[in-house]
Amino acid sequence: MEMSKKVLKQLCREKELYGTPELNDVLYLHYKGFKKIDNLDEYTSVKVLWLEGNGFAKIEGLENQPSLKHLYLQENYISKIENLEKLIELDTLNLSQNVIRKIEGLSHLQNLNSLILKRNRLKTKSDLEGLLECKSLVVLDLSQNKIEDQSVMEVFEQMPNLKVLYLKGNPFVQKIPQYRRRTIASLSSLTYLDERPVFPDERKRSEAWAKGGKVAEKAEIQRQIKEKKEKEDRQFRAFQKLVDDSKKIYPVDDEESAENDENVADSNIASSDQKDTSKTCVESENLTKLEDNSTDVAAGIEGSNEKSIEIEQKKIP
C-alpha cells in the first residue's frame, strides 16, 4: 500500500484525528503494509509516530517533524540507522526486530533517552561503538542479538547516564562468569539489568565481590545485616523516647489512677449484681408461668374425665 496523502487523511478519520494535518500530534500508521515513509510533510506537529509492522527498508521522509519525540519503527526490514538529523527532540527510538548490523547516525540525537534494538544483527564491539555518539542515553535494549564479543562491556562503561540495560539472549552473556555481578560492579550508574532492578544492597555486594571475591562479599552481607539490626534498634529507641516524652507532657497522677481503678471495679461489681438480680427475676417469672400452665393442664384433664364418665352413663340401658 502506498502512503499517499489521501490514505493518510482516511486513516486520520478512522482514528478520529484532525482532518487538518498540522493539528495532529500523533499518527497511527502501524501494520498497514506500507513500503515507504512518504507524504508526511504537512504533519509538522506530530510528536508520536507509530510505523511498526510495515515493510520499510529505509528510514526516510521525516525531515519535517522537528517536534517528534517518540518514533516506533519496530518489525520492519530496516538495515541502517539514518536520516534522523532533523529529529533533535527525539526521546524514544524503537528499532527492534529489524536487520540492523551497526549502530550509527545518533550524533544529532542529543535528547535521546531510550534506544530499543532488540532482535537485530549486532555482533561485535565495533558494531556498538556508535552508542558513544549519544551521551544522553539512559535506557538501552540490546537483548536477543548475536553479540559474542565480551569486550562490548567497555562500550557500556563509557556511557555516563546509562541506567537500564537489557543484554539477555546474547551469546557473550553465557561466557562471562558471574555475569550479573560483573556487570553491576563495572557500571556504577546502573539501576536495572535484564529482568530485575539493581537495589543498593545488591550493588554493594557486587562491588565487594569485584574487589575481594566471595570473602569480601560475605563480609559485606554481614555488615548489611548488622546495619539493618542497628537501624531497627534506633527506630525502637526513638519510638520509646516518644512515648516517655508524651508521659512527661501529660502526666497521670498515681492517686487519681488508683481512684479510677477503684471506680471501675465498683462499676463492675454493680453491673454483676444487677445481672444476678435480673437473672433471678427472669427465673421467678418463668417458674410462675410454668405453675400456671400446670394448673391449666390439670383442669383440662379433670374436665375431660368428667365428660367421659357422663358419656358412659348414657350408654348403660
C-alpha atoms as a PDB file:
ATOM      1  CA  MET A   1       0.000   0.000   0.000  1.00  0.00           C
ATOM      2  CA  GLU A   2       1.232   3.492  -0.829  1.00  0.00           C
ATOM      3  CA  MET A   3       1.411   6.095   1.927  1.00  0.00           C
ATOM      4  CA  SER A   4      -0.444   8.731  -0.091  1.00  0.00           C
ATOM      5  CA  LYS A   5      -1.971  11.961   1.259  1.00  0.00           C
ATOM      6  CA  LYS A   6      -5.447  10.560   0.636  1.00  0.00           C
ATOM      7  CA  VAL A   7      -4.697   7.381   2.586  1.00  0.00           C
ATOM      8  CA  LEU A   8      -3.189   9.375   5.457  1.00  0.00           C
ATOM      9  CA  LYS A   9      -6.295  11.552   5.778  1.00  0.00           C
ATOM     10  CA  GLN A  10      -8.525   8.499   5.640  1.00  0.00           C
ATOM     11  CA  LEU A  11      -6.562   6.856   8.449  1.00  0.00           C
ATOM     12  CA  CYS A  12      -6.852  10.057  10.495  1.00  0.00           C
ATOM     13  CA  ARG A  13     -10.627   9.970  10.112  1.00  0.00           C
ATOM     14  CA  GLU A  14     -10.748   6.306  11.145  1.00  0.00           C
ATOM     15  CA  LYS A  15      -8.781   7.114  14.316  1.00  0.00           C
ATOM     16  CA  GLU A  16     -10.906  10.226  14.963  1.00  0.00           C
ATOM     17  CA  LEU A  17      -7.945  12.549  14.478  1.00  0.00           C
ATOM     18  CA  TYR A  18      -7.964  16.012  12.876  1.00  0.00           C
ATOM     19  CA  GLY A  19      -8.649  16.440   9.170  1.00  0.00           C
ATOM     20  CA  THR A  20      -6.110  19.249   9.086  1.00  0.00           C
ATOM     21  CA  PRO A  21      -2.661  17.549   9.066  1.00  0.00           C
ATOM     22  CA  GLU A  22      -0.891  20.324  11.017  1.00  0.00           C
ATOM     23  CA  LEU A  23      -3.154  19.837  14.053  1.00  0.00           C
ATOM     24  CA  ASN A  24      -2.294  16.195  14.688  1.00  0.00           C
ATOM     25  CA  ASP A  25       0.329  15.417  17.323  1.00  0.00           C
ATOM     26  CA  VAL A  26       0.072  11.628  16.912  1.00  0.00           C
ATOM     27  CA  LEU A  27      -0.234   9.337  13.888  1.00  0.00           C
ATOM     28  CA  TYR A  28      -1.173   5.644  13.918  1.00  0.00           C
ATOM     29  CA  LEU A  29       0.298   4.121  10.750  1.00  0.00           C
ATOM     30  CA  HIS A  30       1.288   0.680  12.060  1.00  0.00           C
ATOM     31  CA  TYR A  31       0.501  -2.661  10.378  1.00  0.00           C
ATOM     32  CA  LYS A  32      -0.743  -1.100   7.128  1.00  0.00           C
ATOM     33  CA  GLY A  33       1.632  -2.756   4.686  1.00  0.00           C
ATOM     34  CA  PHE A  34       3.407   0.470   3.697  1.00  0.00           C
ATOM     35  CA  LYS A  35       6.689   0.058   1.816  1.00  0.00           C
ATOM     36  CA  LYS A  36       7.962   3.633   2.045  1.00  0.00           C
ATOM     37  CA  ILE A  37       7.677   6.507   4.528  1.00  0.00           C
ATOM     38  CA  ASP A  38       6.230   9.288   2.436  1.00  0.00           C
ATOM     39  CA  ASN A  39       3.921  12.344   2.282  1.00  0.00           C
ATOM     40  CA  LEU A  40       4.336  13.385   5.928  1.00  0.00           C
ATOM     41  CA  ASP A  41       5.432  16.932   5.031  1.00  0.00           C
ATOM     42  CA  GLU A  42       2.200  18.549   6.288  1.00  0.00           C
ATOM     43  CA  TYR A  43       2.217  16.716   9.621  1.00  0.00           C
ATOM     44  CA  THR A  44       4.640  19.114  11.236  1.00  0.00           C
ATOM     45  CA  SER A  45       3.281  18.922  14.800  1.00  0.00           C
ATOM     46  CA  VAL A  46       3.497  15.156  15.232  1.00  0.00           C
ATOM     47  CA  LYS A  47       5.133  14.098  18.491  1.00  0.00           C
ATOM     48  CA  VAL A  48       4.347  10.377  18.445  1.00  0.00           C
ATOM     49  CA  LEU A  49       4.605   8.343  15.244  1.00  0.00           C
ATOM     50  CA  TRP A  50       3.650   4.655  15.030  1.00  0.00           C
ATOM     51  CA  LEU A  51       5.187   2.982  11.959  1.00  0.00           C
ATOM     52  CA  GLU A  52       5.737  -0.551  13.248  1.00  0.00           C
ATOM     53  CA  GLY A  53       4.827  -3.725  11.396  1.00  0.00           C
ATOM     54  CA  ASN A  54       5.106  -2.378   7.857  1.00  0.00           C
ATOM     55  CA  GLY A  55       7.625  -3.182   5.095  1.00  0.00           C
ATOM     56  CA  PHE A  56      10.056  -0.277   5.401  1.00  0.00           C
ATOM     57  CA  ALA A  57      13.620  -0.969   4.304  1.00  0.00           C
ATOM     58  CA  LYS A  58      14.832   2.585   4.925  1.00  0.00           C
ATOM     59  CA  ILE A  59      14.333   5.425   7.414  1.00  0.00           C
ATOM     60  CA  GLU A  60      13.305   8.469   5.353  1.00  0.00           C
ATOM     61  CA  GLY A  61      10.677  11.160   4.890  1.00  0.00           C
ATOM     62  CA  LEU A  62      10.954  12.580   8.432  1.00  0.00           C
ATOM     63  CA  GLU A  63      12.571  15.923   7.626  1.00  0.00           C
ATOM     64  CA  ASN A  64       9.506  17.992   8.614  1.00  0.00           C
ATOM     65  CA  GLN A  65       8.822  16.557  12.070  1.00  0.00           C
ATOM     66  CA  PRO A  66      11.061  18.661  14.335  1.00  0.00           C
ATOM     67  CA  SER A  67       8.746  18.093  17.336  1.00  0.00           C
ATOM     68  CA  LEU A  68       8.821  14.291  17.087  1.00  0.00           C
ATOM     69  CA  LYS A  69       9.608  12.705  20.463  1.00  0.00           C
ATOM     70  CA  HIS A  70       8.645   9.044  20.071  1.00  0.00           C
ATOM     71  CA  LEU A  71       9.329   7.057  16.897  1.00  0.00           C
ATOM     72  CA  TYR A  72       8.255   3.417  16.644  1.00  0.00           C
ATOM     73  CA  LEU A  73       9.792   1.557  13.696  1.00  0.00           C
ATOM     74  CA  GLN A  74       9.982  -1.980  15.070  1.00  0.00           C
ATOM     75  CA  GLU A  75       9.092  -5.031  12.995  1.00  0.00           C
ATOM     76  CA  ASN A  76      10.237  -3.703   9.628  1.00  0.00           C
ATOM     77  CA  TYR A  77      13.212  -4.529   7.389  1.00  0.00           C
ATOM     78  CA  ILE A  78      15.475  -1.568   8.161  1.00  0.00           C
ATOM     79  CA  SER A  79      19.204  -2.256   7.857  1.00  0.00           C
ATOM     80  CA  LYS A  80      20.680   1.157   8.691  1.00  0.00           C
ATOM     81  CA  ILE A  81      20.051   3.950  11.217  1.00  0.00           C
ATOM     82  CA  GLU A  82      19.987   7.110   9.080  1.00  0.00           C
ATOM     83  CA  ASN A  83      18.172  10.338   8.159  1.00  0.00           C
ATOM     84  CA  LEU A  84      17.359  11.318  11.741  1.00  0.00           C
ATOM     85  CA  GLU A  85      19.300  14.605  11.781  1.00  0.00           C
ATOM     86  CA  LYS A  86      16.196  16.804  11.979  1.00  0.00           C
ATOM     87  CA  LEU A  87      14.679  14.964  14.942  1.00  0.00           C
ATOM     88  CA  ILE A  88      16.521  16.922  17.599  1.00  0.00           C
ATOM     89  CA  GLU A  89      13.722  16.469  20.160  1.00  0.00           C
ATOM     90  CA  LEU A  90      13.567  12.676  19.799  1.00  0.00           C
ATOM     91  CA  ASP A  91      13.302  10.904  23.166  1.00  0.00           C
ATOM     92  CA  THR A  92      12.457   7.296  22.230  1.00  0.00           C
ATOM     93  CA  LEU A  93      13.551   5.304  19.182  1.00  0.00           C
ATOM     94  CA  ASN A  94      12.330   1.729  18.785  1.00  0.00           C
ATOM     95  CA  LEU A  95      14.052  -0.252  16.025  1.00  0.00           C
ATOM     96  CA  SER A  96      13.651  -3.744  17.438  1.00  0.00           C
ATOM     97  CA  GLN A  97      13.113  -6.705  15.117  1.00  0.00           C
ATOM     98  CA  ASN A  98      14.853  -5.206  12.096  1.00  0.00           C
ATOM     99  CA  VAL A  99      18.117  -6.225  10.356  1.00  0.00           C
ATOM    100  CA  ILE A 100      20.488  -3.545  11.685  1.00  0.00           C
ATOM    101  CA  ARG A 101      24.136  -4.634  11.778  1.00  0.00           C
ATOM    102  CA  LYS A 102      25.734  -1.457  13.142  1.00  0.00           C
ATOM    103  CA  ILE A 103      24.718   1.372  15.473  1.00  0.00           C
ATOM    104  CA  GLU A 104      25.302   4.740  13.820  1.00  0.00           C
ATOM    105  CA  GLY A 105      23.598   8.021  12.954  1.00  0.00           C
ATOM    106  CA  LEU A 106      22.893   9.056  16.563  1.00  0.00           C
ATOM    107  CA  SER A 107      25.203  12.048  16.875  1.00  0.00           C
ATOM    108  CA  HIS A 108      22.411  14.615  16.326  1.00  0.00           C
ATOM    109  CA  LEU A 109      20.042  12.996  18.824  1.00  0.00           C
ATOM    110  CA  GLN A 110      21.312  14.706  21.950  1.00  0.00           C
ATOM    111  CA  ASN A 111      17.946  14.316  23.756  1.00  0.00           C
ATOM    112  CA  LEU A 112      17.557  10.611  23.052  1.00  0.00           C
ATOM    113  CA  ASN A 113      16.659   8.796  26.258  1.00  0.00           C
ATOM    114  CA  SER A 114      15.659   5.291  25.126  1.00  0.00           C
ATOM    115  CA  LEU A 115      17.047   3.189  22.282  1.00  0.00           C
ATOM    116  CA  ILE A 116      15.443  -0.193  21.628  1.00  0.00           C
ATOM    117  CA  LEU A 117      17.407  -2.504  19.303  1.00  0.00           C
ATOM    118  CA  LYS A 118      16.145  -5.887  20.433  1.00  0.00           C
ATOM    119  CA  ARG A 119      16.447  -8.754  17.899  1.00  0.00           C
ATOM    120  CA  ASN A 120      18.709  -7.236  15.303  1.00  0.00           C
ATOM    121  CA  ARG A 121      22.038  -8.480  13.891  1.00  0.00           C
ATOM    122  CA  LEU A 122      24.624  -6.775  16.069  1.00  0.00           C
ATOM    123  CA  LYS A 123      27.710  -8.912  16.772  1.00  0.00           C
ATOM    124  CA  THR A 124      30.914  -7.093  17.739  1.00  0.00           C
ATOM    125  CA  LYS A 125      32.237  -4.252  19.845  1.00  0.00           C
ATOM    126  CA  SER A 126      32.733  -2.110  16.739  1.00  0.00           C
ATOM    127  CA  ASP A 127      29.057  -2.593  15.869  1.00  0.00           C
ATOM    128  CA  LEU A 128      28.157  -0.846  19.149  1.00  0.00           C
ATOM    129  CA  GLU A 129      30.672   1.989  19.245  1.00  0.00           C
ATOM    130  CA  GLY A 130      28.158   4.351  17.649  1.00  0.00           C
ATOM    131  CA  LEU A 131      26.430   4.444  21.034  1.00  0.00           C
ATOM    132  CA  LEU A 132      29.217   6.722  22.276  1.00  0.00           C
ATOM    133  CA  GLU A 133      27.950   9.454  19.966  1.00  0.00           C
ATOM    134  CA  CYS A 134      24.837   9.793  22.136  1.00  0.00           C
ATOM    135  CA  LYS A 135      25.778  10.595  25.736  1.00  0.00           C
ATOM    136  CA  SER A 136      22.167  11.192  26.794  1.00  0.00           C
ATOM    137  CA  LEU A 137      21.080   7.534  26.583  1.00  0.00           C
ATOM    138  CA  VAL A 138      19.511   6.189  29.779  1.00  0.00           C
ATOM    139  CA  VAL A 139      17.678   3.071  28.534  1.00  0.00           C
ATOM    140  CA  LEU A 140      19.314   0.616  26.114  1.00  0.00           C
ATOM    141  CA  ASP A 141      17.846  -2.688  24.943  1.00  0.00           C
ATOM    142  CA  LEU A 142      20.219  -4.935  23.002  1.00  0.00           C
ATOM    143  CA  SER A 143      18.674  -8.244  24.018  1.00  0.00           C
ATOM    144  CA  GLN A 144      18.319 -11.164  21.603  1.00  0.00           C
ATOM    145  CA  ASN A 145      21.096 -10.008  19.260  1.00  0.00           C
ATOM    146  CA  LYS A 146      24.149 -12.021  18.184  1.00  0.00           C
ATOM    147  CA  ILE A 147      26.808 -10.310  20.309  1.00  0.00           C
ATOM    148  CA  GLU A 148      29.692 -12.671  21.113  1.00  0.00           C
ATOM    149  CA  ASP A 149      32.461 -10.188  21.909  1.00  0.00           C
ATOM    150  CA  GLN A 150      32.833  -9.774  25.695  1.00  0.00           C
ATOM    151  CA  SER A 151      34.719  -6.507  25.210  1.00  0.00           C
ATOM    152  CA  VAL A 152      31.406  -4.774  24.448  1.00  0.00           C
ATOM    153  CA  MET A 153      31.281  -4.081  28.196  1.00  0.00           C
ATOM    154  CA  GLU A 154      33.950  -1.421  27.596  1.00  0.00           C
ATOM    155  CA  VAL A 155      31.458   0.500  25.464  1.00  0.00           C
ATOM    156  CA  PHE A 156      28.808   0.488  28.190  1.00  0.00           C
ATOM    157  CA  GLU A 157      31.374   1.677  30.748  1.00  0.00           C
ATOM    158  CA  GLN A 158      31.790   4.875  28.700  1.00  0.00           C
ATOM    159  CA  MET A 159      28.079   5.735  28.773  1.00  0.00           C
ATOM    160  CA  PRO A 160      27.733   8.065  31.793  1.00  0.00           C
ATOM    161  CA  ASN A 161      23.913   8.174  32.013  1.00  0.00           C
ATOM    162  CA  LEU A 162      23.123   4.525  31.339  1.00  0.00           C
ATOM    163  CA  LYS A 163      20.700   3.241  33.976  1.00  0.00           C
ATOM    164  CA  VAL A 164      18.661   0.486  32.293  1.00  0.00           C
ATOM    165  CA  LEU A 165      20.362  -2.212  30.236  1.00  0.00           C
ATOM    166  CA  TYR A 166      18.980  -5.343  28.564  1.00  0.00           C
ATOM    167  CA  LEU A 167      21.569  -7.839  27.261  1.00  0.00           C
ATOM    168  CA  LYS A 168      19.830 -11.152  27.874  1.00  0.00           C
ATOM    169  CA  GLY A 169      19.799 -13.549  24.915  1.00  0.00           C
ATOM    170  CA  ASN A 170      23.235 -12.654  23.539  1.00  0.00           C
ATOM    171  CA  PRO A 171      25.881 -15.426  23.325  1.00  0.00           C
ATOM    172  CA  PHE A 172      28.514 -13.457  25.282  1.00  0.00           C
ATOM    173  CA  VAL A 173      26.290 -13.329  28.385  1.00  0.00           C
ATOM    174  CA  GLN A 174      26.726 -17.067  28.881  1.00  0.00           C
ATOM    175  CA  LYS A 175      30.508 -16.795  28.505  1.00  0.00           C
ATOM    176  CA  ILE A 176      31.071 -14.234  31.284  1.00  0.00           C
ATOM    177  CA  PRO A 177      31.485 -15.871  34.734  1.00  0.00           C
ATOM    178  CA  GLN A 178      29.305 -14.172  37.332  1.00  0.00           C
ATOM    179  CA  TYR A 179      27.807 -12.028  34.567  1.00  0.00           C
ATOM    180  CA  ARG A 180      25.349 -10.102  36.731  1.00  0.00           C
ATOM    181  CA  ARG A 181      27.865  -9.323  39.483  1.00  0.00           C
ATOM    182  CA  ARG A 182      30.494  -8.202  36.999  1.00  0.00           C
ATOM    183  CA  THR A 183      28.087  -6.022  35.031  1.00  0.00           C
ATOM    184  CA  ILE A 184      26.708  -4.274  38.120  1.00  0.00           C
ATOM    185  CA  ALA A 185      30.179  -3.695  39.540  1.00  0.00           C
ATOM    186  CA  SER A 186      31.513  -2.241  36.292  1.00  0.00           C
ATOM    187  CA  LEU A 187      28.530   0.049  35.559  1.00  0.00           C
ATOM    188  CA  SER A 188      28.172   2.357  38.550  1.00  0.00           C
ATOM    189  CA  SER A 189      25.019   4.163  37.377  1.00  0.00           C
ATOM    190  CA  LEU A 190      23.029   1.024  36.502  1.00  0.00           C
ATOM    191  CA  THR A 191      19.669   0.642  38.278  1.00  0.00           C
ATOM    192  CA  TYR A 192      18.089  -2.120  36.166  1.00  0.00           C
ATOM    193  CA  LEU A 193      19.705  -5.101  34.456  1.00  0.00           C
ATOM    194  CA  ASP A 194      17.764  -7.529  32.282  1.00  0.00           C
ATOM    195  CA  GLU A 195      14.805  -8.948  34.175  1.00  0.00           C
ATOM    196  CA  ARG A 196      15.107  -7.191  37.540  1.00  0.00           C
ATOM    197  CA  PRO A 197      16.209  -3.958  39.268  1.00  0.00           C
ATOM    198  CA  VAL A 198      19.581  -3.346  40.880  1.00  0.00           C
ATOM    199  CA  PHE A 199      18.960  -2.450  44.521  1.00  0.00           C
ATOM    200  CA  PRO A 200      21.600  -0.606  46.595  1.00  0.00           C
ATOM    201  CA  ASP A 201      22.358  -3.684  48.737  1.00  0.00           C
ATOM    202  CA  GLU A 202      22.978  -5.824  45.653  1.00  0.00           C
ATOM    203  CA  ARG A 203      25.262  -3.156  44.235  1.00  0.00           C
ATOM    204  CA  LYS A 204      27.346  -3.051  47.417  1.00  0.00           C
ATOM    205  CA  ARG A 205      27.621  -6.855  47.460  1.00  0.00           C
ATOM    206  CA  SER A 206      28.618  -6.948  43.785  1.00  0.00           C
ATOM    207  CA  GLU A 207      31.241  -4.241  44.225  1.00  0.00           C
ATOM    208  CA  ALA A 208      32.633  -6.033  47.287  1.00  0.00           C
ATOM    209  CA  TRP A 209      32.810  -9.277  45.297  1.00  0.00           C
ATOM    210  CA  ALA A 210      34.639  -7.500  42.446  1.00  0.00           C
ATOM    211  CA  LYS A 211      37.255  -6.200  44.891  1.00  0.00           C
ATOM    212  CA  GLY A 212      37.762  -9.205  47.169  1.00  0.00           C
ATOM    213  CA  GLY A 213      35.865 -12.199  45.880  1.00  0.00           C
ATOM    214  CA  LYS A 214      33.414 -14.293  47.914  1.00  0.00           C
ATOM    215  CA  VAL A 215      35.114 -13.497  51.226  1.00  0.00           C
ATOM    216  CA  ALA A 216      34.587  -9.757  50.733  1.00  0.00           C
ATOM    217  CA  GLU A 217      31.026 -10.360  49.563  1.00  0.00           C
ATOM    218  CA  LYS A 218      30.252 -12.420  52.681  1.00  0.00           C
ATOM    219  CA  ALA A 219      31.719  -9.699  54.888  1.00  0.00           C
ATOM    220  CA  GLU A 220      29.517  -7.122  53.129  1.00  0.00           C
ATOM    221  CA  ILE A 221      26.431  -9.278  53.698  1.00  0.00           C
ATOM    222  CA  GLN A 222      27.242  -9.490  57.418  1.00  0.00           C
ATOM    223  CA  ARG A 223      27.781  -5.742  57.539  1.00  0.00           C
ATOM    224  CA  GLN A 224      24.381  -5.161  55.908  1.00  0.00           C
ATOM    225  CA  ILE A 225      22.681  -7.465  58.416  1.00  0.00           C
ATOM    226  CA  LYS A 226      24.329  -5.625  61.308  1.00  0.00           C
ATOM    227  CA  GLU A 227      23.433  -2.239  59.832  1.00  0.00           C
ATOM    228  CA  LYS A 228      19.801  -3.281  59.427  1.00  0.00           C
ATOM    229  CA  LYS A 229      19.655  -4.522  63.033  1.00  0.00           C
ATOM    230  CA  GLU A 230      21.170  -1.276  64.346  1.00  0.00           C
ATOM    231  CA  LYS A 231      18.663   0.735  62.327  1.00  0.00           C
ATOM    232  CA  GLU A 232      15.758  -1.240  63.786  1.00  0.00           C
ATOM    233  CA  ASP A 233      17.143  -0.702  67.299  1.00  0.00           C
ATOM    234  CA  ARG A 234      17.439   3.036  66.713  1.00  0.00           C
ATOM    235  CA  GLN A 235      13.876   3.190  65.476  1.00  0.00           C
ATOM    236  CA  PHE A 236      12.638   1.299  68.544  1.00  0.00           C
ATOM    237  CA  ARG A 237      14.528   3.571  70.936  1.00  0.00           C
ATOM    238  CA  ALA A 238      13.200   6.641  69.155  1.00  0.00           C
ATOM    239  CA  PHE A 239       9.652   5.347  69.494  1.00  0.00           C
ATOM    240  CA  GLN A 240      10.170   4.531  73.172  1.00  0.00           C
ATOM    241  CA  LYS A 241      11.546   8.014  73.766  1.00  0.00           C
ATOM    242  CA  LEU A 242       8.480   9.478  72.080  1.00  0.00           C
ATOM    243  CA  VAL A 243       6.224   7.516  74.437  1.00  0.00           C
ATOM    244  CA  ASP A 244       8.216   8.584  77.508  1.00  0.00           C
ATOM    245  CA  ASP A 245       8.207  12.226  76.438  1.00  0.00           C
ATOM    246  CA  SER A 246       4.436  12.164  75.970  1.00  0.00           C
ATOM    247  CA  LYS A 247       4.035  10.894  79.539  1.00  0.00           C
ATOM    248  CA  LYS A 248       6.109  13.805  80.818  1.00  0.00           C
ATOM    249  CA  ILE A 249       3.969  16.301  78.919  1.00  0.00           C
ATOM    250  CA  TYR A 250       0.681  14.693  80.013  1.00  0.00           C
ATOM    251  CA  PRO A 251       1.461  13.115  83.438  1.00  0.00           C
ATOM    252  CA  VAL A 252      -1.070  10.794  85.145  1.00  0.00           C
ATOM    253  CA  ASP A 253      -1.441  11.191  88.973  1.00  0.00           C
ATOM    254  CA  ASP A 254      -0.994   7.891  90.881  1.00  0.00           C
ATOM    255  CA  GLU A 255      -3.850   8.581  93.326  1.00  0.00           C
ATOM    256  CA  GLU A 256      -6.146   9.596  90.504  1.00  0.00           C
ATOM    257  CA  SER A 257      -5.195   6.463  88.606  1.00  0.00           C
ATOM    258  CA  ALA A 258      -5.888   4.294  91.695  1.00  0.00           C
ATOM    259  CA  GLU A 259      -9.248   6.019  92.231  1.00  0.00           C
ATOM    260  CA  ASN A 260     -10.161   5.415  88.619  1.00  0.00           C
ATOM    261  CA  ASP A 261      -9.260   1.748  89.005  1.00  0.00           C
ATOM    262  CA  GLU A 262     -11.444   1.531  92.163  1.00  0.00           C
ATOM    263  CA  ASN A 263     -14.376   3.169  90.391  1.00  0.00           C
ATOM    264  CA  VAL A 264     -14.032   0.743  87.538  1.00  0.00           C
ATOM    265  CA  ALA A 265     -14.008  -2.175  89.983  1.00  0.00           C
ATOM    266  CA  ASP A 266     -17.135  -0.874  91.801  1.00  0.00           C
ATOM    267  CA  SER A 267     -18.856  -0.387  88.487  1.00  0.00           C
ATOM    268  CA  ASN A 268     -18.057  -3.952  87.504  1.00  0.00           C
ATOM    269  CA  ILE A 269     -19.426  -5.296  90.849  1.00  0.00           C
ATOM    270  CA  ALA A 270     -22.632  -3.264  90.496  1.00  0.00           C
ATOM    271  CA  SER A 271     -23.051  -4.483  86.972  1.00  0.00           C
ATOM    272  CA  SER A 272     -22.574  -8.062  88.136  1.00  0.00           C
ATOM    273  CA  ASP A 273     -25.172  -7.646  90.939  1.00  0.00           C
ATOM    274  CA  GLN A 274     -27.619  -6.124  88.515  1.00  0.00           C
ATOM    275  CA  LYS A 275     -27.144  -9.050  86.161  1.00  0.00           C
ATOM    276  CA  ASP A 276     -27.761 -11.544  89.028  1.00  0.00           C
ATOM    277  CA  THR A 277     -30.951  -9.702  90.099  1.00  0.00           C
ATOM    278  CA  SER A 278     -32.228  -9.664  86.541  1.00  0.00           C
ATOM    279  CA  LYS A 279     -31.479 -13.352  86.230  1.00  0.00           C
ATOM    280  CA  THR A 280     -33.406 -14.132  89.472  1.00  0.00           C
ATOM    281  CA  CYS A 281     -36.417 -12.129  88.307  1.00  0.00           C
ATOM    282  CA  VAL A 282     -36.455 -13.912  84.989  1.00  0.00           C
ATOM    283  CA  GLU A 283     -36.233 -17.327  86.670  1.00  0.00           C
ATOM    284  CA  SER A 284     -39.086 -16.435  89.094  1.00  0.00           C
ATOM    285  CA  GLU A 285     -41.268 -15.246  86.243  1.00  0.00           C
ATOM    286  CA  ASN A 286     -40.589 -18.409  84.280  1.00  0.00           C
ATOM    287  CA  LEU A 287     -41.481 -20.544  87.337  1.00  0.00           C
ATOM    288  CA  THR A 288     -44.812 -18.730  87.796  1.00  0.00           C
ATOM    289  CA  LYS A 289     -45.663 -19.289  84.137  1.00  0.00           C
ATOM    290  CA  LEU A 290     -44.804 -22.970  84.500  1.00  0.00           C
ATOM    291  CA  GLU A 291     -47.123 -23.352  87.561  1.00  0.00           C
ATOM    292  CA  ASP A 292     -49.975 -21.623  85.727  1.00  0.00           C
ATOM    293  CA  ASN A 293     -49.527 -23.906  82.760  1.00  0.00           C
ATOM    294  CA  SER A 294     -49.567 -26.967  85.050  1.00  0.00           C
ATOM    295  CA  THR A 295     -52.850 -25.835  86.668  1.00  0.00           C
ATOM    296  CA  ASP A 296     -54.427 -25.336  83.263  1.00  0.00           C
ATOM    297  CA  VAL A 297     -53.344 -28.775  82.128  1.00  0.00           C
ATOM    298  CA  ALA A 298     -54.694 -30.420  85.297  1.00  0.00           C
ATOM    299  CA  ALA A 299     -58.026 -28.636  84.923  1.00  0.00           C
ATOM    300  CA  GLY A 300     -58.241 -29.733  81.329  1.00  0.00           C
ATOM    301  CA  ILE A 301     -57.609 -33.338  82.264  1.00  0.00           C
ATOM    302  CA  GLU A 302     -60.255 -33.284  85.058  1.00  0.00           C
ATOM    303  CA  GLY A 303     -62.876 -31.804  82.709  1.00  0.00           C
ATOM    304  CA  SER A 304     -62.116 -34.410  80.118  1.00  0.00           C
ATOM    305  CA  ASN A 305     -62.575 -37.214  82.671  1.00  0.00           C
ATOM    306  CA  GLU A 306     -65.986 -35.890  83.785  1.00  0.00           C
ATOM    307  CA  LYS A 307     -67.225 -35.793  80.185  1.00  0.00           C
ATOM    308  CA  SER A 308     -66.069 -39.374  79.658  1.00  0.00           C
ATOM    309  CA  ILE A 309     -67.983 -40.609  82.758  1.00  0.00           C
ATOM    310  CA  GLU A 310     -71.135 -38.800  81.663  1.00  0.00           C
ATOM    311  CA  ILE A 311     -70.986 -40.448  78.191  1.00  0.00           C
ATOM    312  CA  GLU A 312     -70.534 -43.937  79.698  1.00  0.00           C
ATOM    313  CA  GLN A 313     -73.541 -43.469  81.964  1.00  0.00           C
ATOM    314  CA  LYS A 314     -75.726 -42.594  78.991  1.00  0.00           C
ATOM    315  CA  LYS A 315     -74.670 -45.819  77.267  1.00  0.00           C
ATOM    316  CA  ILE A 316     -75.910 -48.040  80.178  1.00  0.00           C
ATOM    317  CA  PRO A 317     -79.591 -49.203  79.444  1.00  0.00           C
END
